[in-house]
Amino acid sequence: MLAALLTAVTWGSKPGTIVLVIAAAFLATAVLAAVHHAEVVAHRVGEPFGSLVLAVAVTVIEVALIVTLMVSGGNDVDTLARDTVFAAVMITTNGIVGICLLLGALHRGTASFNAEGTATALATVCTLAVLCLVLPTFTESAPGPEFSSAQLAFAAVASLTLYGLFVVVQTVRHRDYFLPESAGPEDHADPPGDREALTSVALLVLALVAVVGLAKLESSPIEDAVAAIGAPQSAVGVVIALLVLLPETLAAVRNARRNRVQTSFNLALGSAMASIGLTIPAIAVASIWLEGPLVLGLGSTQIVLLVITAILGALTVLPGRATLQEGGVHLVLFAAFVFLAVNP
């Protein structure tokens, strides 16, 4: 609540350094609050619905932040959506997955999960990534790595269709594919009552609004810091994605420590899927009134990283279990992504 109040007080202003430092601290606490209340809601509705709650909530703040920054203008905002969505995919499929595999393997020797559900999620993520982020580089209807209006409309509809189909599969048709293989002692705690769950829903929304507002407040210092170290403006999208995905990361790590690797994968891959499947259509609609081009096509280095991620992800999830080695490989690939984002 204090973070939301600070967001309202500082909205549209350019505060000094002290206020920015305080805002950064409140941003961190708002992230922790979002994780807590999302877990309360998730415990009330059960898996895999709980993972969807946080994935959709995180995507909402991602879209809001991207559109807000694109409206406010600045350097290279035409690539901001692409850079942020691609960063979200790499963070979730390599960073979060790698950390969770390490924690799961350290806990039990090998990290076990449901191969059917995880493979379905990964296949959907890869298809969405190629459709929305790779194809624009090779299409010929529009100059540069952009979609034409018709192509962008098709990509938006296809993204929503794939995401909606996955939600049906995850929650109705094959819900058992996405349930944890083992249950920790926390799973036997009584779920919260309706009143507590509704309170957490309201506070979750408030916390996410605060995260959006304070992240926007910190956006200018982030851009200045990126420029100061000589990194390209595309690194701003990486920082935004890291901020937005903090609640998801903390929730996934907590579940991995409880030997609930499948839930961690639901969170990670669900966020990657929502990031593309919901963000791209929203940006496509927003582009109707936004000025300037919408560059979605990835560069050659990014495409190589995406291809390696898809191959590595398939080799990791198909056996249904993984060791420390797989976790380490994912984290090294994530480190390569971050390094190349700063030093292209």
Protein backbone atom coordinates (compact mmCIF):
# COMPACT_ATOMS: atom_id res chain seq x y z
CA MET A 1 0.00 0.00 0.00
CA LEU A 2 2.88 2.37 0.76
CA ALA A 3 4.48 1.53 -2.59
CA ALA A 4 1.22 2.31 -4.38
CA LEU A 5 0.95 5.58 -2.46
CA LEU A 6 4.50 6.51 -3.47
CA THR A 7 3.59 5.67 -7.08
CA ALA A 8 0.62 8.06 -6.94
CA VAL A 9 2.67 10.84 -5.35
CA THR A 10 5.56 10.63 -7.82
CA TRP A 11 3.52 9.89 -10.99
CA GLY A 12 4.53 12.18 -13.85
CA SER A 13 7.31 13.86 -11.85
CA LYS A 14 11.10 13.78 -12.06
CA PRO A 15 12.23 13.22 -8.47
CA GLY A 16 15.75 13.56 -7.16
CA THR A 17 18.27 10.86 -6.35
CA ILE A 18 17.10 10.30 -2.77
CA VAL A 19 13.51 9.72 -3.87
CA LEU A 20 14.70 7.35 -6.61
CA VAL A 21 16.65 5.30 -4.06
CA ILE A 22 13.60 5.13 -1.79
CA ALA A 23 11.44 4.18 -4.77
CA ALA A 24 13.83 1.36 -5.64
CA ALA A 25 13.51 -0.01 -2.11
CA PHE A 26 9.71 0.16 -2.28
CA LEU A 27 9.82 -1.49 -5.70
CA ALA A 28 11.63 -4.47 -4.16
CA THR A 29 9.10 -4.70 -1.31
CA ALA A 30 6.20 -4.48 -3.78
CA VAL A 31 7.68 -7.42 -5.69
CA LEU A 32 7.91 -9.46 -2.48
CA ALA A 33 4.33 -8.52 -1.59
CA ALA A 34 3.14 -9.60 -5.04
CA VAL A 35 4.83 -12.98 -4.63
CA HIS A 36 3.25 -13.53 -1.22
CA HIS A 37 -0.28 -12.66 -2.26
CA ALA A 38 0.03 -14.60 -5.52
CA GLU A 39 1.03 -17.68 -3.52
CA VAL A 40 -1.99 -17.23 -1.23
CA VAL A 41 -4.29 -17.07 -4.26
CA ALA A 42 -2.49 -20.01 -5.87
CA HIS A 43 -2.95 -22.11 -2.72
CA ARG A 44 -6.65 -21.25 -2.71
CA VAL A 45 -7.35 -22.16 -6.35
CA GLY A 46 -4.81 -24.99 -6.59
CA GLU A 47 -2.49 -25.99 -9.40
CA PRO A 48 -2.24 -25.35 -12.28
CA PHE A 49 -4.62 -22.40 -11.90
CA GLY A 50 -2.29 -20.78 -9.36
CA SER A 51 0.53 -20.56 -11.88
CA LEU A 52 -1.78 -18.86 -14.37
CA VAL A 53 -2.68 -16.16 -11.83
CA LEU A 54 0.87 -14.90 -11.51
CA ALA A 55 1.75 -15.44 -15.20
CA VAL A 56 -1.17 -13.32 -16.41
CA ALA A 57 -0.61 -10.70 -13.71
CA VAL A 58 3.05 -10.35 -14.65
CA THR A 59 2.14 -10.04 -18.33
CA VAL A 60 -0.35 -7.29 -17.55
CA ILE A 61 2.33 -5.16 -15.90
CA GLU A 62 4.74 -5.95 -18.74
CA VAL A 63 2.27 -4.72 -21.36
CA ALA A 64 1.41 -1.64 -19.30
CA LEU A 65 5.07 -0.76 -18.84
CA ILE A 66 5.98 -1.26 -22.52
CA VAL A 67 3.03 0.81 -23.78
CA THR A 68 3.71 3.56 -21.22
CA LEU A 69 7.36 3.85 -22.24
CA MET A 70 6.48 3.74 -25.94
CA VAL A 71 3.96 6.54 -25.49
CA SER A 72 6.44 8.65 -23.53
CA GLY A 73 8.94 8.31 -26.39
CA GLY A 74 12.71 8.15 -26.08
CA ASN A 75 15.53 6.30 -27.76
CA ASP A 76 14.77 3.18 -29.78
CA VAL A 77 11.23 2.68 -28.44
CA ASP A 78 10.37 0.97 -31.73
CA THR A 79 12.34 -2.10 -30.59
CA LEU A 80 11.33 -1.95 -26.92
CA ALA A 81 8.52 -4.52 -27.23
CA ARG A 82 10.77 -6.96 -29.10
CA ASP A 83 13.68 -6.57 -26.70
CA THR A 84 11.50 -6.94 -23.61
CA VAL A 85 9.58 -9.97 -24.88
CA PHE A 86 12.74 -11.73 -26.08
CA ALA A 87 14.44 -10.99 -22.76
CA ALA A 88 11.43 -12.43 -20.92
CA VAL A 89 11.69 -15.64 -22.97
CA MET A 90 15.41 -16.02 -22.27
CA ILE A 91 15.04 -15.19 -18.58
CA THR A 92 12.26 -17.74 -18.06
CA THR A 93 13.46 -20.60 -20.28
CA ASN A 94 17.11 -20.38 -19.25
CA GLY A 95 17.49 -18.29 -16.11
CA ILE A 96 14.51 -19.44 -14.05
CA VAL A 97 14.53 -22.99 -15.43
CA GLY A 98 18.27 -23.29 -14.78
CA ILE A 99 18.03 -22.11 -11.17
CA CYS A 100 15.06 -24.41 -10.47
CA LEU A 101 16.84 -27.41 -11.98
CA LEU A 102 19.88 -26.75 -9.81
CA LEU A 103 17.78 -26.45 -6.67
CA GLY A 104 15.75 -29.54 -7.54
CA ALA A 105 18.85 -31.60 -8.33
CA LEU A 106 20.60 -30.49 -5.16
CA HIS A 107 17.55 -31.51 -3.14
CA ARG A 108 16.97 -34.98 -4.59
CA GLY A 109 19.97 -35.76 -6.82
CA THR A 110 17.82 -35.31 -9.91
CA ALA A 111 15.04 -32.85 -10.59
CA SER A 112 11.86 -34.67 -11.61
CA PHE A 113 8.91 -33.20 -13.48
CA ASN A 114 6.12 -34.18 -15.85
CA ALA A 115 7.60 -34.46 -19.34
CA GLU A 116 4.24 -34.35 -21.15
CA GLY A 117 3.07 -31.06 -19.70
CA THR A 118 6.48 -29.38 -19.78
CA ALA A 119 7.11 -30.42 -23.39
CA THR A 120 3.70 -29.06 -24.40
CA ALA A 121 4.46 -25.71 -22.78
CA LEU A 122 7.94 -25.53 -24.32
CA ALA A 123 6.64 -26.38 -27.80
CA THR A 124 4.07 -23.60 -27.54
CA VAL A 125 6.67 -21.08 -26.35
CA CYS A 126 9.02 -21.95 -29.23
CA THR A 127 6.23 -21.72 -31.81
CA LEU A 128 5.10 -18.34 -30.51
CA ALA A 129 8.69 -17.05 -30.43
CA VAL A 130 9.34 -18.06 -34.03
CA LEU A 131 5.99 -16.75 -35.23
CA CYS A 132 6.26 -13.34 -33.56
CA LEU A 133 10.01 -12.68 -33.22
CA VAL A 134 11.79 -14.59 -35.98
CA LEU A 135 9.48 -14.43 -39.01
CA PRO A 136 9.41 -10.59 -39.13
CA THR A 137 13.13 -10.69 -39.94
CA PHE A 138 12.47 -12.69 -43.11
CA THR A 139 9.11 -11.41 -44.39
CA GLU A 140 9.13 -9.16 -47.46
CA SER A 141 5.88 -7.17 -47.27
CA ALA A 142 7.34 -4.45 -45.04
CA PRO A 143 10.83 -2.93 -45.05
CA GLY A 144 13.16 -4.06 -42.31
CA PRO A 145 12.39 -6.58 -39.57
CA GLU A 146 8.72 -5.60 -39.37
CA PHE A 147 5.35 -7.15 -40.08
CA SER A 148 2.87 -5.57 -42.45
CA SER A 149 -0.50 -4.67 -40.92
CA ALA A 150 -2.08 -7.90 -42.19
CA GLN A 151 0.84 -10.02 -40.98
CA LEU A 152 0.77 -8.37 -37.56
CA ALA A 153 -2.96 -9.01 -37.27
CA PHE A 154 -2.46 -12.67 -38.19
CA ALA A 155 0.37 -13.05 -35.65
CA ALA A 156 -1.80 -11.47 -32.94
CA VAL A 157 -4.77 -13.75 -33.62
CA ALA A 158 -2.55 -16.84 -33.88
CA SER A 159 -0.82 -15.94 -30.60
CA LEU A 160 -4.11 -15.54 -28.75
CA THR A 161 -5.40 -18.80 -30.24
CA LEU A 162 -2.34 -20.78 -29.17
CA TYR A 163 -2.34 -19.29 -25.69
CA GLY A 164 -6.06 -19.88 -25.23
CA LEU A 165 -5.71 -23.48 -26.43
CA PHE A 166 -2.88 -24.07 -23.98
CA VAL A 167 -4.93 -22.70 -21.08
CA VAL A 168 -7.72 -25.15 -21.94
CA VAL A 169 -5.26 -28.04 -22.13
CA GLN A 170 -3.55 -27.03 -18.90
CA THR A 171 -6.64 -26.46 -16.81
CA VAL A 172 -9.28 -28.77 -18.31
CA ARG A 173 -8.28 -31.44 -20.82
CA HIS A 174 -4.94 -32.57 -19.38
CA ARG A 175 -4.67 -30.88 -16.02
CA ASP A 176 -2.82 -33.88 -14.56
CA TYR A 177 0.10 -33.19 -16.93
CA PHE A 178 0.86 -29.99 -15.02
CA LEU A 179 0.54 -31.16 -11.43
CA PRO A 180 3.64 -31.67 -9.25
CA GLU A 181 4.88 -35.25 -9.07
CA SER A 182 5.50 -35.01 -5.35
CA ALA A 183 4.01 -32.95 -2.59
CA GLY A 184 5.88 -31.26 0.21
CA PRO A 185 4.57 -30.81 3.75
CA GLU A 186 3.37 -27.30 2.86
CA ASP A 187 0.83 -28.80 0.47
CA HIS A 188 -1.14 -30.28 3.34
CA ALA A 189 -1.83 -26.90 4.96
CA ASP A 190 -5.45 -25.83 4.88
CA PRO A 191 -6.17 -23.48 1.96
CA PRO A 192 -7.07 -19.89 2.89
CA GLY A 193 -10.70 -18.92 3.17
CA ASP A 194 -12.62 -16.93 0.58
CA ARG A 195 -12.19 -13.65 2.47
CA GLU A 196 -8.43 -14.06 2.80
CA ALA A 197 -8.12 -15.09 -0.86
CA LEU A 198 -10.16 -12.09 -2.07
CA THR A 199 -8.06 -9.78 0.11
CA SER A 200 -4.91 -11.22 -1.42
CA VAL A 201 -6.34 -10.73 -4.93
CA ALA A 202 -6.93 -7.04 -4.19
CA LEU A 203 -3.50 -6.60 -2.63
CA LEU A 204 -1.88 -8.51 -5.50
CA VAL A 205 -3.40 -6.09 -8.00
CA LEU A 206 -2.29 -3.14 -5.85
CA ALA A 207 1.25 -4.52 -5.58
CA LEU A 208 1.47 -5.07 -9.34
CA VAL A 209 0.24 -1.53 -10.02
CA ALA A 210 2.94 -0.27 -7.68
CA VAL A 211 5.56 -2.35 -9.49
CA VAL A 212 4.49 -0.84 -12.84
CA GLY A 213 4.49 2.72 -11.53
CA LEU A 214 7.79 2.50 -9.68
CA ALA A 215 9.47 0.64 -12.55
CA LYS A 216 8.38 3.46 -14.87
CA LEU A 217 9.78 5.97 -12.38
CA GLU A 218 13.10 4.13 -12.46
CA SER A 219 13.10 3.80 -16.27
CA SER A 220 14.96 7.06 -16.95
CA PRO A 221 17.76 6.27 -14.47
CA ILE A 222 17.95 2.79 -16.00
CA GLU A 223 18.35 4.28 -19.49
CA ASP A 224 21.01 6.66 -18.17
CA ALA A 225 22.86 3.80 -16.48
CA VAL A 226 22.72 1.71 -19.66
CA ALA A 227 24.12 4.61 -21.68
CA ALA A 228 26.80 5.28 -19.05
CA ILE A 229 28.26 1.78 -19.33
CA GLY A 230 28.19 1.96 -23.11
CA ALA A 231 25.57 -0.75 -23.55
CA PRO A 232 23.05 -0.56 -26.41
CA GLN A 233 19.53 0.69 -25.75
CA SER A 234 18.25 -2.86 -26.29
CA ALA A 235 19.66 -3.63 -22.83
CA VAL A 236 16.86 -1.47 -21.39
CA GLY A 237 14.40 -4.17 -22.44
CA VAL A 238 16.47 -6.74 -20.56
CA VAL A 239 16.39 -4.67 -17.37
CA ILE A 240 12.63 -4.12 -17.69
CA ALA A 241 12.05 -7.85 -18.15
CA LEU A 242 14.21 -8.62 -15.12
CA LEU A 243 12.19 -6.21 -12.98
CA VAL A 244 8.84 -7.47 -14.23
CA LEU A 245 9.76 -11.14 -13.77
CA LEU A 246 11.08 -10.80 -10.21
CA PRO A 247 7.79 -12.01 -8.65
CA GLU A 248 7.74 -15.00 -11.00
CA THR A 249 11.37 -15.83 -10.28
CA LEU A 250 10.99 -15.74 -6.51
CA ALA A 251 7.83 -17.87 -6.62
CA ALA A 252 9.51 -20.43 -8.91
CA VAL A 253 12.58 -20.65 -6.68
CA ARG A 254 10.44 -21.18 -3.59
CA ASN A 255 8.62 -24.05 -5.27
CA ALA A 256 11.86 -25.62 -6.48
CA ARG A 257 13.21 -25.56 -2.93
CA ARG A 258 10.08 -27.47 -1.87
CA ASN A 259 10.75 -30.09 -4.55
CA ARG A 260 7.90 -28.80 -6.70
CA VAL A 261 9.89 -28.41 -9.92
CA GLN A 262 6.80 -28.92 -12.08
CA THR A 263 5.13 -25.91 -10.48
CA SER A 264 8.32 -23.92 -11.09
CA PHE A 265 8.22 -24.93 -14.75
CA ASN A 266 4.53 -23.99 -14.93
CA LEU A 267 5.46 -20.53 -13.67
CA ALA A 268 8.49 -20.08 -15.92
CA LEU A 269 7.11 -21.42 -19.19
CA GLY A 270 3.67 -20.00 -18.50
CA SER A 271 5.20 -16.55 -18.14
CA ALA A 272 7.21 -16.96 -21.34
CA MET A 273 4.06 -18.04 -23.16
CA ALA A 274 1.93 -15.23 -21.76
CA SER A 275 4.69 -12.73 -22.46
CA ILE A 276 4.49 -13.49 -26.18
CA GLY A 277 0.91 -14.70 -26.54
CA LEU A 278 -0.63 -11.73 -24.72
CA THR A 279 1.95 -8.95 -25.08
CA ILE A 280 2.29 -9.10 -28.87
CA PRO A 281 -1.50 -8.86 -29.50
CA ALA A 282 -1.76 -6.01 -26.99
CA ILE A 283 1.12 -4.14 -28.62
CA ALA A 284 -0.41 -4.84 -32.05
CA VAL A 285 -3.62 -3.12 -30.95
CA ALA A 286 -1.69 -0.27 -29.31
CA SER A 287 0.33 0.26 -32.51
CA ILE A 288 -2.86 1.57 -34.16
CA TRP A 289 -2.46 4.87 -32.32
CA LEU A 290 1.25 4.72 -31.42
CA GLU A 291 3.54 6.65 -33.72
CA GLY A 292 6.61 5.12 -35.34
CA PRO A 293 7.42 1.61 -36.56
CA LEU A 294 7.03 -1.58 -34.53
CA VAL A 295 10.19 -3.63 -34.98
CA LEU A 296 9.66 -7.25 -33.90
CA GLY A 297 12.26 -9.20 -35.88
CA LEU A 298 15.28 -10.46 -33.97
CA GLY A 299 18.87 -10.02 -35.09
CA SER A 300 21.12 -12.92 -36.09
CA THR A 301 22.75 -13.25 -32.64
CA GLN A 302 19.38 -13.35 -30.92
CA ILE A 303 18.03 -15.93 -33.36
CA VAL A 304 21.04 -18.18 -32.67
CA LEU A 305 20.42 -17.91 -28.93
CA LEU A 306 16.74 -18.73 -29.43
CA VAL A 307 17.53 -21.80 -31.56
CA ILE A 308 20.01 -23.11 -28.97
CA THR A 309 17.43 -22.49 -26.23
CA ALA A 310 14.79 -24.50 -28.10
CA ILE A 311 17.14 -27.45 -28.70
CA LEU A 312 18.49 -27.40 -25.15
CA GLY A 313 14.99 -27.11 -23.69
CA ALA A 314 13.77 -30.11 -25.66
CA LEU A 315 16.73 -32.23 -24.56
CA THR A 316 16.14 -31.18 -20.96
CA VAL A 317 12.40 -31.78 -20.64
CA LEU A 318 11.81 -34.90 -22.73
CA PRO A 319 13.38 -37.36 -20.22
CA GLY A 320 11.23 -35.99 -17.39
CA ARG A 321 14.23 -35.55 -15.09
CA ALA A 322 17.42 -33.53 -15.11
CA THR A 323 20.70 -33.24 -13.22
CA LEU A 324 22.92 -30.40 -12.13
CA GLN A 325 24.52 -30.44 -15.57
CA GLU A 326 21.34 -29.43 -17.38
CA GLY A 327 20.75 -26.65 -14.86
CA GLY A 328 24.30 -25.40 -15.34
CA VAL A 329 23.99 -25.42 -19.14
CA HIS A 330 20.78 -23.37 -19.00
CA LEU A 331 22.39 -20.84 -16.66
CA VAL A 332 25.50 -20.51 -18.85
CA LEU A 333 23.28 -19.87 -21.86
CA PHE A 334 21.39 -17.25 -19.84
CA ALA A 335 24.69 -15.64 -18.85
CA ALA A 336 25.69 -15.56 -22.52
CA PHE A 337 22.42 -13.78 -23.34
CA VAL A 338 22.99 -11.13 -20.67
CA PHE A 339 26.64 -10.65 -21.66
CA LEU A 340 25.80 -10.26 -25.35
CA ALA A 341 22.95 -7.87 -24.52
CA VAL A 342 25.51 -5.57 -22.89
CA ASN A 343 28.36 -6.37 -25.32
CA PRO A 344 26.73 -7.22 -28.66
